[in-house]
Amino acid sequence: MRKLLVVIIILIGFTIGINLSRDQKGFRTYQEVLTELTNDAPMKTYRDSFYGYSIRYPEFFSQEITDKGFVRLGYWDNERFVIECSVLKAPDLSPVKIKMKELATQLHAEKQELLRDSFILSGPHYENGKRIEGYRYYAKYVRNRKLWFSYTLFYPESCHSSLTRIFRQIDQWEV
């Protein structure tokens, strides 16, 4: 009887061990799940009816705020992701390079990429003059006549590699 009980306990332990090892193999990190979600999500298009610009974004983002020339889209899971688009007036028509330097200073940009009538900035995210630890932004600014259009993603730094598809949307964006 004792031998049978020992054999049953060993079999139960063995079965539990196999099940636990199977569960461990199926575990995926948050970044892996986010990458799959971002890459597989159908894209939606937001169109601003007043200024006429449009942006493409993954459908799991939802509209939070819309106003004339401004939209904020958000996604919240374990982390917070925000897409914002806005329109700024540019009455002086100063060269793109000067506007880029001005905004890079204001936004604490670590990277700057000058394009023809646009530029891309990225760096740590600040709000009301205070750095938001662990968050970054990636933004494209496009000039069209006397207006600057911006398309910005605010995201957790730890998720950078999972957001390649959104970065490409921003890079390719035109007004």
Protein backbone atom coordinates (compact mmCIF):
# COMPACT_ATOMS: atom_id res chain seq x y z
CA MET A 1 0.00 0.00 0.00
CA ARG A 2 2.84 2.39 0.90
CA LYS A 3 4.61 1.64 -2.37
CA LEU A 4 1.41 2.36 -4.30
CA LEU A 5 0.98 5.68 -2.48
CA VAL A 6 4.60 6.64 -3.24
CA VAL A 7 4.12 5.74 -6.93
CA ILE A 8 0.90 7.81 -7.09
CA ILE A 9 2.63 10.82 -5.47
CA ILE A 10 5.55 10.51 -7.91
CA LEU A 11 3.12 10.34 -10.86
CA ILE A 12 1.21 13.39 -9.60
CA GLY A 13 4.47 15.30 -9.14
CA PHE A 14 5.65 14.26 -12.60
CA THR A 15 2.33 15.38 -14.18
CA ILE A 16 2.47 18.75 -12.40
CA GLY A 17 6.07 19.24 -13.55
CA ILE A 18 5.16 18.53 -17.18
CA ASN A 19 2.22 20.95 -17.06
CA LEU A 20 4.32 23.69 -15.49
CA SER A 21 7.07 23.29 -18.09
CA ARG A 22 4.47 23.51 -20.89
CA ASP A 23 3.08 26.75 -19.43
CA GLN A 24 6.59 28.24 -19.18
CA LYS A 25 7.31 27.53 -22.85
CA GLY A 26 4.09 29.31 -23.91
CA PHE A 27 4.84 32.48 -21.92
CA ARG A 28 5.42 35.59 -24.02
CA THR A 29 6.66 38.95 -22.85
CA TYR A 30 4.50 42.06 -22.95
CA GLN A 31 6.72 43.45 -25.71
CA GLU A 32 6.21 40.31 -27.84
CA VAL A 33 2.44 40.51 -27.44
CA LEU A 34 2.48 44.27 -28.20
CA THR A 35 4.60 43.71 -31.32
CA GLU A 36 2.12 41.15 -32.61
CA LEU A 37 -0.84 43.38 -31.75
CA THR A 38 0.73 46.40 -33.47
CA ASN A 39 1.82 44.50 -36.58
CA ASP A 40 -1.44 42.59 -37.06
CA ALA A 41 -3.98 45.30 -36.24
CA PRO A 42 -5.95 46.71 -39.15
CA MET A 43 -5.19 50.37 -39.76
CA LYS A 44 -7.82 53.07 -39.39
CA THR A 45 -7.74 56.58 -40.83
CA TYR A 46 -8.61 59.76 -38.97
CA ARG A 47 -9.45 62.79 -41.15
CA ASP A 48 -9.57 66.31 -39.80
CA SER A 49 -12.46 67.94 -41.63
CA PHE A 50 -11.34 71.52 -40.92
CA TYR A 51 -7.65 71.37 -41.98
CA GLY A 52 -7.94 68.37 -44.28
CA TYR A 53 -5.06 66.27 -42.95
CA SER A 54 -5.37 62.56 -42.20
CA ILE A 55 -3.40 60.01 -40.23
CA ARG A 56 -3.31 56.24 -40.18
CA TYR A 57 -3.11 54.37 -36.88
CA PRO A 58 -3.77 50.86 -35.49
CA GLU A 59 -7.44 50.24 -34.76
CA PHE A 60 -6.86 49.38 -31.10
CA PHE A 61 -6.28 53.09 -30.42
CA SER A 62 -9.49 54.93 -29.59
CA GLN A 63 -10.36 58.61 -29.99
CA GLU A 64 -10.18 60.48 -26.70
CA ILE A 65 -10.33 64.13 -27.79
CA THR A 66 -11.11 65.77 -31.10
CA ASP A 67 -11.22 69.47 -31.77
CA LYS A 68 -10.62 71.72 -34.76
CA GLY A 69 -7.11 70.73 -35.87
CA PHE A 70 -6.42 68.45 -32.88
CA VAL A 71 -6.96 64.78 -32.15
CA ARG A 72 -5.77 62.56 -29.30
CA LEU A 73 -5.94 58.79 -29.64
CA GLY A 74 -5.13 56.51 -26.76
CA TYR A 75 -4.45 52.91 -25.89
CA TRP A 76 -4.14 51.60 -22.37
CA ASP A 77 -3.16 48.09 -21.40
CA ASN A 78 -0.25 47.53 -19.02
CA GLU A 79 1.14 50.82 -20.30
CA ARG A 80 -0.24 54.08 -21.74
CA PHE A 81 0.23 54.97 -25.42
CA VAL A 82 -0.96 58.27 -26.92
CA ILE A 83 -1.05 59.59 -30.47
CA GLU A 84 -1.63 63.32 -30.89
CA CYS A 85 -1.97 65.39 -34.03
CA SER A 86 -2.22 69.14 -34.03
CA VAL A 87 -1.87 72.21 -36.19
CA LEU A 88 0.37 75.18 -35.33
CA LYS A 89 0.37 78.52 -37.11
CA ALA A 90 3.64 79.52 -38.78
CA PRO A 91 3.20 83.16 -39.76
CA ASP A 92 6.89 83.90 -40.40
CA LEU A 93 7.71 81.09 -42.89
CA SER A 94 11.17 80.71 -41.36
CA PRO A 95 13.31 77.90 -42.78
CA VAL A 96 12.45 74.36 -41.71
CA LYS A 97 15.86 73.98 -40.07
CA ILE A 98 15.24 76.95 -37.76
CA LYS A 99 11.82 75.63 -36.69
CA MET A 100 13.36 72.22 -36.07
CA LYS A 101 16.07 73.69 -33.80
CA GLU A 102 13.47 75.79 -31.94
CA LEU A 103 11.16 72.84 -31.26
CA ALA A 104 14.07 70.48 -30.53
CA THR A 105 15.14 72.80 -27.72
CA GLN A 106 11.60 73.16 -26.33
CA LEU A 107 10.95 69.41 -26.47
CA HIS A 108 14.38 68.25 -25.22
CA ALA A 109 14.92 66.29 -28.45
CA GLU A 110 17.80 63.84 -28.46
CA LYS A 111 17.43 63.01 -32.15
CA GLN A 112 16.66 65.35 -35.03
CA GLU A 113 16.19 64.46 -38.68
CA LEU A 114 15.78 67.28 -41.19
CA LEU A 115 13.75 66.43 -44.30
CA ARG A 116 12.61 68.63 -47.21
CA ASP A 117 9.55 70.44 -45.78
CA SER A 118 9.43 68.46 -42.55
CA PHE A 119 11.49 67.06 -39.73
CA ILE A 120 11.40 64.31 -37.12
CA LEU A 121 12.20 64.76 -33.45
CA SER A 122 12.44 62.21 -30.66
CA GLY A 123 13.47 62.22 -27.05
CA PRO A 124 12.34 61.89 -23.45
CA HIS A 125 8.78 63.00 -22.72
CA TYR A 126 8.31 66.12 -20.58
CA GLU A 127 5.03 67.43 -19.24
CA ASN A 128 4.76 70.87 -17.62
CA GLY A 129 8.55 71.08 -17.50
CA LYS A 130 8.98 67.76 -15.69
CA ARG A 131 10.40 64.64 -17.27
CA ILE A 132 8.02 61.67 -17.29
CA GLU A 133 10.37 58.82 -16.38
CA GLY A 134 10.31 55.86 -18.73
CA TYR A 135 8.35 57.66 -21.49
CA ARG A 136 9.48 59.03 -24.83
CA TYR A 137 7.98 60.77 -27.83
CA TYR A 138 8.47 60.41 -31.57
CA ALA A 139 7.11 63.25 -33.71
CA LYS A 140 7.02 64.45 -37.28
CA TYR A 141 6.34 68.09 -38.14
CA VAL A 142 5.28 68.98 -41.67
CA ARG A 143 4.94 72.52 -43.02
CA ASN A 144 2.16 73.29 -45.44
CA ARG A 145 1.91 76.97 -46.38
CA LYS A 146 1.65 78.96 -43.12
CA LEU A 147 0.82 75.96 -40.96
CA TRP A 148 2.81 73.25 -39.17
CA PHE A 149 1.14 69.85 -38.77
CA SER A 150 2.41 67.43 -36.15
CA TYR A 151 1.92 63.69 -35.65
CA THR A 152 3.33 62.49 -32.31
CA LEU A 153 3.47 59.17 -30.48
CA PHE A 154 4.06 59.14 -26.71
CA TYR A 155 5.09 55.68 -25.50
CA PRO A 156 6.88 53.71 -22.79
CA GLU A 157 10.58 53.49 -23.54
CA SER A 158 10.55 49.74 -22.79
CA CYS A 159 8.15 49.21 -25.74
CA HIS A 160 10.21 51.03 -28.39
CA SER A 161 11.06 47.92 -30.42
CA SER A 162 7.39 46.86 -30.49
CA LEU A 163 6.20 50.04 -32.22
CA THR A 164 8.12 49.92 -35.51
CA ARG A 165 4.94 49.90 -37.60
CA ILE A 166 3.68 53.11 -35.96
CA PHE A 167 7.08 54.79 -36.37
CA ARG A 168 6.93 53.93 -40.09
CA GLN A 169 3.45 55.50 -40.35
CA ILE A 170 4.82 58.67 -38.79
CA ASP A 171 7.94 58.65 -41.03
CA GLN A 172 5.83 58.30 -44.19
CA TRP A 173 3.16 60.79 -43.15
CA GLU A 174 2.50 63.73 -45.47
CA VAL A 175 -0.07 66.49 -45.31
